[in-house]
Amino acid sequence: MKAILPDGQIDPDSEAGKMIGFTSDKFEGWLWKSGDRVMISMIISLQPNKGNLSALFKAIEAQGLRVAVPTPFVHLEAIIKSKGFKPHIEDDAELGPCEVWER
């Protein structure tokens, strides 16, 4: 049976973070779980080009969740494009229209 991640902020080395490999030796920043998806809100890879981001995406999806990336920086946008992510616009109650990438 898959573990269930709680809704809310996921920090490196938190219980939820450890379940998906979001640990402080690999990443800085935070994720945000809401419903059936995890937003890659603000992360920095501490070991670029080692496959940690791909492993994180796989671990999130293994939980039966979708990965979403709001308004990615250019480098991250190139990575997620290569992984089949597509952009769409979501209307956020506080922020207004926001570009979000998902596959």
N, C-alpha and C. Protein backbone atom coordinates (compact mmCIF):
# COMPACT_ATOMS: atom_id res chain seq x y z
N MET A 1 0.84 -1.18 0.00
CA MET A 1 0.00 0.00 0.00
C MET A 1 0.88 1.25 0.00
N LYS A 2 0.51 2.23 -0.79
CA LYS A 2 1.27 3.47 -0.88
C LYS A 2 1.01 4.33 0.35
N ALA A 3 2.07 5.02 0.77
CA ALA A 3 1.90 6.00 1.84
C ALA A 3 1.16 7.20 1.27
N ILE A 4 0.45 7.90 2.10
CA ILE A 4 -0.30 9.07 1.65
C ILE A 4 0.37 10.32 2.18
N LEU A 5 0.71 11.22 1.25
CA LEU A 5 1.30 12.48 1.65
C LEU A 5 0.20 13.43 2.11
N PRO A 6 0.41 14.13 3.20
CA PRO A 6 -0.59 15.10 3.67
C PRO A 6 -0.57 16.36 2.81
N ASP A 7 -1.69 17.04 2.71
CA ASP A 7 -1.73 18.33 2.02
C ASP A 7 -0.90 19.35 2.80
N GLY A 8 -0.34 20.29 2.08
CA GLY A 8 0.42 21.37 2.69
C GLY A 8 1.86 21.39 2.23
N GLN A 9 2.65 22.22 2.88
CA GLN A 9 4.06 22.39 2.53
C GLN A 9 4.86 21.15 2.87
N ILE A 10 5.76 20.79 1.96
CA ILE A 10 6.68 19.67 2.18
C ILE A 10 8.09 20.24 2.16
N ASP A 11 8.77 20.11 3.28
CA ASP A 11 10.14 20.60 3.42
C ASP A 11 11.12 19.44 3.29
N PRO A 12 12.37 19.74 2.88
CA PRO A 12 13.39 18.69 2.85
C PRO A 12 13.53 18.06 4.24
N ASP A 13 13.68 16.77 4.25
CA ASP A 13 13.89 15.98 5.46
C ASP A 13 12.65 15.87 6.36
N SER A 14 11.52 16.47 5.96
CA SER A 14 10.29 16.24 6.72
C SER A 14 9.86 14.80 6.49
N GLU A 15 8.92 14.32 7.25
CA GLU A 15 8.45 12.95 7.08
C GLU A 15 7.95 12.73 5.64
N ALA A 16 7.14 13.66 5.16
CA ALA A 16 6.63 13.56 3.78
C ALA A 16 7.77 13.68 2.78
N GLY A 17 8.70 14.59 3.04
CA GLY A 17 9.84 14.76 2.15
C GLY A 17 10.67 13.50 2.02
N LYS A 18 10.93 12.85 3.13
CA LYS A 18 11.71 11.61 3.11
C LYS A 18 11.01 10.52 2.32
N MET A 19 9.66 10.48 2.37
CA MET A 19 8.91 9.45 1.64
C MET A 19 9.12 9.54 0.14
N ILE A 20 9.46 10.74 -0.36
CA ILE A 20 9.62 10.90 -1.81
C ILE A 20 11.05 11.29 -2.20
N GLY A 21 11.97 11.23 -1.26
CA GLY A 21 13.37 11.53 -1.57
C GLY A 21 13.68 13.01 -1.64
N PHE A 22 12.82 13.82 -1.04
CA PHE A 22 13.05 15.27 -0.99
C PHE A 22 13.84 15.55 0.28
N THR A 23 15.16 15.42 0.17
CA THR A 23 16.03 15.50 1.34
C THR A 23 17.05 16.63 1.17
N SER A 24 17.56 17.09 2.30
CA SER A 24 18.43 18.27 2.32
C SER A 24 19.80 18.02 1.70
N ASP A 25 20.17 16.77 1.46
CA ASP A 25 21.43 16.52 0.76
C ASP A 25 21.27 16.68 -0.75
N LYS A 26 20.01 16.72 -1.23
CA LYS A 26 19.74 16.83 -2.66
C LYS A 26 19.08 18.14 -3.07
N PHE A 27 18.27 18.71 -2.16
CA PHE A 27 17.47 19.87 -2.53
C PHE A 27 17.40 20.91 -1.41
N GLU A 28 17.18 22.16 -1.82
CA GLU A 28 16.76 23.23 -0.92
C GLU A 28 15.41 23.71 -1.43
N GLY A 29 14.62 24.30 -0.55
CA GLY A 29 13.33 24.85 -0.95
C GLY A 29 12.17 24.12 -0.33
N TRP A 30 11.05 24.06 -1.06
CA TRP A 30 9.86 23.41 -0.56
C TRP A 30 8.98 22.99 -1.72
N LEU A 31 8.08 22.06 -1.43
CA LEU A 31 7.05 21.61 -2.35
C LEU A 31 5.71 21.91 -1.70
N TRP A 32 4.63 21.84 -2.47
CA TRP A 32 3.31 22.07 -1.92
C TRP A 32 2.35 21.01 -2.44
N LYS A 33 1.80 20.20 -1.55
CA LYS A 33 0.83 19.16 -1.92
C LYS A 33 -0.57 19.69 -1.70
N SER A 34 -1.39 19.55 -2.74
CA SER A 34 -2.79 19.94 -2.66
C SER A 34 -3.60 18.95 -3.48
N GLY A 35 -4.46 18.21 -2.80
CA GLY A 35 -5.28 17.22 -3.50
C GLY A 35 -4.44 16.14 -4.13
N ASP A 36 -4.58 15.99 -5.45
CA ASP A 36 -3.89 14.89 -6.13
C ASP A 36 -2.62 15.34 -6.86
N ARG A 37 -2.07 16.48 -6.46
CA ARG A 37 -0.83 16.91 -7.12
C ARG A 37 0.13 17.58 -6.14
N VAL A 38 1.39 17.56 -6.55
CA VAL A 38 2.46 18.21 -5.78
C VAL A 38 3.04 19.30 -6.67
N MET A 39 3.01 20.53 -6.16
CA MET A 39 3.58 21.67 -6.87
C MET A 39 5.06 21.76 -6.53
N ILE A 40 5.86 21.86 -7.57
CA ILE A 40 7.29 22.09 -7.39
C ILE A 40 7.44 23.60 -7.25
N SER A 41 7.17 24.07 -6.04
CA SER A 41 7.06 25.51 -5.79
C SER A 41 8.38 26.23 -5.91
N MET A 42 9.32 25.84 -5.13
CA MET A 42 10.62 26.51 -5.10
C MET A 42 11.66 25.51 -4.66
N ILE A 43 12.42 24.97 -5.62
CA ILE A 43 13.47 24.04 -5.24
C ILE A 43 14.76 24.39 -5.98
N ILE A 44 15.85 24.04 -5.35
CA ILE A 44 17.18 24.16 -5.92
C ILE A 44 17.84 22.79 -5.77
N SER A 45 18.33 22.28 -6.88
CA SER A 45 19.05 21.01 -6.83
C SER A 45 20.47 21.27 -6.35
N LEU A 46 20.89 20.56 -5.33
CA LEU A 46 22.24 20.72 -4.79
C LEU A 46 23.26 19.86 -5.53
N GLN A 47 22.75 18.93 -6.35
CA GLN A 47 23.61 18.04 -7.14
C GLN A 47 23.06 17.99 -8.57
N PRO A 48 23.20 19.08 -9.33
CA PRO A 48 22.65 19.11 -10.68
C PRO A 48 23.17 17.97 -11.56
N ASN A 49 22.33 17.53 -12.47
CA ASN A 49 22.68 16.51 -13.47
C ASN A 49 22.98 15.13 -12.87
N LYS A 50 22.44 14.87 -11.69
CA LYS A 50 22.63 13.56 -11.04
C LYS A 50 21.36 12.71 -11.09
N GLY A 51 20.27 13.25 -11.66
CA GLY A 51 19.03 12.48 -11.76
C GLY A 51 18.12 12.62 -10.56
N ASN A 52 18.46 13.50 -9.62
CA ASN A 52 17.64 13.62 -8.42
C ASN A 52 16.25 14.19 -8.71
N LEU A 53 16.16 15.14 -9.64
CA LEU A 53 14.85 15.70 -9.98
C LEU A 53 13.98 14.65 -10.65
N SER A 54 14.54 13.88 -11.56
CA SER A 54 13.79 12.79 -12.20
C SER A 54 13.32 11.78 -11.17
N ALA A 55 14.19 11.44 -10.23
CA ALA A 55 13.82 10.50 -9.17
C ALA A 55 12.70 11.07 -8.30
N LEU A 56 12.76 12.38 -8.02
CA LEU A 56 11.71 13.02 -7.23
C LEU A 56 10.37 12.94 -7.96
N PHE A 57 10.37 13.26 -9.26
CA PHE A 57 9.13 13.19 -10.04
C PHE A 57 8.57 11.76 -10.02
N LYS A 58 9.44 10.77 -10.22
CA LYS A 58 8.99 9.36 -10.21
C LYS A 58 8.41 8.97 -8.86
N ALA A 59 9.04 9.41 -7.78
CA ALA A 59 8.56 9.08 -6.44
C ALA A 59 7.21 9.72 -6.16
N ILE A 60 7.02 10.95 -6.61
CA ILE A 60 5.72 11.61 -6.45
C ILE A 60 4.66 10.86 -7.23
N GLU A 61 4.96 10.54 -8.47
CA GLU A 61 4.00 9.82 -9.31
C GLU A 61 3.72 8.42 -8.79
N ALA A 62 4.70 7.79 -8.16
CA ALA A 62 4.50 6.46 -7.56
C ALA A 62 3.49 6.51 -6.42
N GLN A 63 3.30 7.70 -5.84
CA GLN A 63 2.30 7.89 -4.79
C GLN A 63 0.90 8.08 -5.39
N GLY A 64 0.81 8.03 -6.73
CA GLY A 64 -0.46 8.25 -7.40
C GLY A 64 -0.79 9.73 -7.56
N LEU A 65 0.22 10.56 -7.45
CA LEU A 65 0.04 12.02 -7.52
C LEU A 65 0.60 12.56 -8.83
N ARG A 66 0.12 13.73 -9.22
CA ARG A 66 0.64 14.44 -10.39
C ARG A 66 1.67 15.46 -9.94
N VAL A 67 2.62 15.73 -10.82
CA VAL A 67 3.63 16.75 -10.58
C VAL A 67 3.22 17.99 -11.37
N ALA A 68 3.25 19.15 -10.72
CA ALA A 68 2.91 20.41 -11.37
C ALA A 68 4.02 21.42 -11.07
N VAL A 69 4.34 22.23 -12.09
CA VAL A 69 5.40 23.23 -11.94
C VAL A 69 4.85 24.58 -12.37
N PRO A 70 4.62 25.49 -11.40
CA PRO A 70 4.13 26.83 -11.76
C PRO A 70 5.27 27.73 -12.23
N THR A 71 5.04 28.44 -13.31
CA THR A 71 5.97 29.41 -13.88
C THR A 71 7.45 29.05 -13.65
N PRO A 72 7.93 28.00 -14.31
CA PRO A 72 9.31 27.57 -14.09
C PRO A 72 10.33 28.55 -14.65
N PHE A 73 11.50 28.59 -14.02
CA PHE A 73 12.63 29.33 -14.57
C PHE A 73 13.06 28.64 -15.86
N VAL A 74 13.83 29.32 -16.68
CA VAL A 74 14.20 28.83 -18.02
C VAL A 74 14.84 27.44 -17.97
N HIS A 75 15.77 27.23 -17.06
CA HIS A 75 16.46 25.93 -16.99
C HIS A 75 15.48 24.81 -16.64
N LEU A 76 14.64 25.03 -15.65
CA LEU A 76 13.66 24.01 -15.27
C LEU A 76 12.63 23.81 -16.38
N GLU A 77 12.26 24.88 -17.06
CA GLU A 77 11.31 24.74 -18.17
C GLU A 77 11.87 23.81 -19.25
N ALA A 78 13.14 23.96 -19.57
CA ALA A 78 13.77 23.08 -20.57
C ALA A 78 13.74 21.62 -20.11
N ILE A 79 13.98 21.39 -18.84
CA ILE A 79 13.97 20.03 -18.30
C ILE A 79 12.57 19.43 -18.39
N ILE A 80 11.57 20.18 -17.93
CA ILE A 80 10.22 19.60 -17.91
C ILE A 80 9.64 19.46 -19.32
N LYS A 81 10.02 20.34 -20.24
CA LYS A 81 9.60 20.16 -21.64
C LYS A 81 10.10 18.83 -22.16
N SER A 82 11.36 18.51 -21.86
CA SER A 82 11.94 17.25 -22.34
C SER A 82 11.28 16.04 -21.71
N LYS A 83 10.59 16.23 -20.59
CA LYS A 83 9.90 15.14 -19.89
C LYS A 83 8.42 15.07 -20.26
N GLY A 84 8.01 15.88 -21.23
CA GLY A 84 6.64 15.80 -21.72
C GLY A 84 5.63 16.68 -21.00
N PHE A 85 6.09 17.60 -20.17
CA PHE A 85 5.18 18.52 -19.49
C PHE A 85 4.66 19.54 -20.50
N LYS A 86 3.41 19.96 -20.32
CA LYS A 86 2.77 20.97 -21.17
C LYS A 86 2.19 22.07 -20.28
N PRO A 87 2.25 23.33 -20.77
CA PRO A 87 1.72 24.43 -19.97
C PRO A 87 0.22 24.64 -20.17
N HIS A 88 -0.41 25.14 -19.13
CA HIS A 88 -1.79 25.62 -19.21
C HIS A 88 -1.91 26.78 -18.21
N ILE A 89 -2.97 27.55 -18.32
CA ILE A 89 -3.18 28.68 -17.43
C ILE A 89 -4.23 28.31 -16.39
N GLU A 90 -3.92 28.56 -15.13
CA GLU A 90 -4.88 28.37 -14.04
C GLU A 90 -5.15 29.73 -13.41
N ASP A 91 -6.36 29.91 -12.96
CA ASP A 91 -6.73 31.17 -12.31
C ASP A 91 -6.68 30.96 -10.81
N ASP A 92 -5.71 31.60 -10.16
CA ASP A 92 -5.55 31.51 -8.71
C ASP A 92 -6.31 32.67 -8.06
N ALA A 93 -7.04 32.36 -7.00
CA ALA A 93 -7.85 33.37 -6.32
C ALA A 93 -7.02 34.55 -5.81
N GLU A 94 -5.79 34.30 -5.40
CA GLU A 94 -4.94 35.36 -4.85
C GLU A 94 -4.01 35.97 -5.90
N LEU A 95 -3.49 35.13 -6.81
CA LEU A 95 -2.46 35.59 -7.74
C LEU A 95 -2.98 35.90 -9.14
N GLY A 96 -4.19 35.49 -9.43
CA GLY A 96 -4.73 35.68 -10.77
C GLY A 96 -4.24 34.57 -11.70
N PRO A 97 -4.20 34.83 -13.01
CA PRO A 97 -3.77 33.80 -13.96
C PRO A 97 -2.31 33.40 -13.73
N CYS A 98 -2.07 32.10 -13.79
CA CYS A 98 -0.73 31.56 -13.53
C CYS A 98 -0.47 30.40 -14.50
N GLU A 99 0.71 30.40 -15.11
CA GLU A 99 1.10 29.30 -15.99
C GLU A 99 1.54 28.12 -15.12
N VAL A 100 0.97 26.94 -15.38
CA VAL A 100 1.34 25.72 -14.66
C VAL A 100 1.63 24.64 -15.70
N TRP A 101 2.73 23.94 -15.51
CA TRP A 101 3.13 22.86 -16.41
C TRP A 101 2.83 21.51 -15.74
N GLU A 102 2.19 20.61 -16.49
CA GLU A 102 1.92 19.24 -16.02
C GLU A 102 2.03 18.30 -17.20
N ARG A 103 2.16 16.99 -16.90
CA ARG A 103 2.09 16.03 -17.99
C ARG A 103 0.85 15.20 -17.85
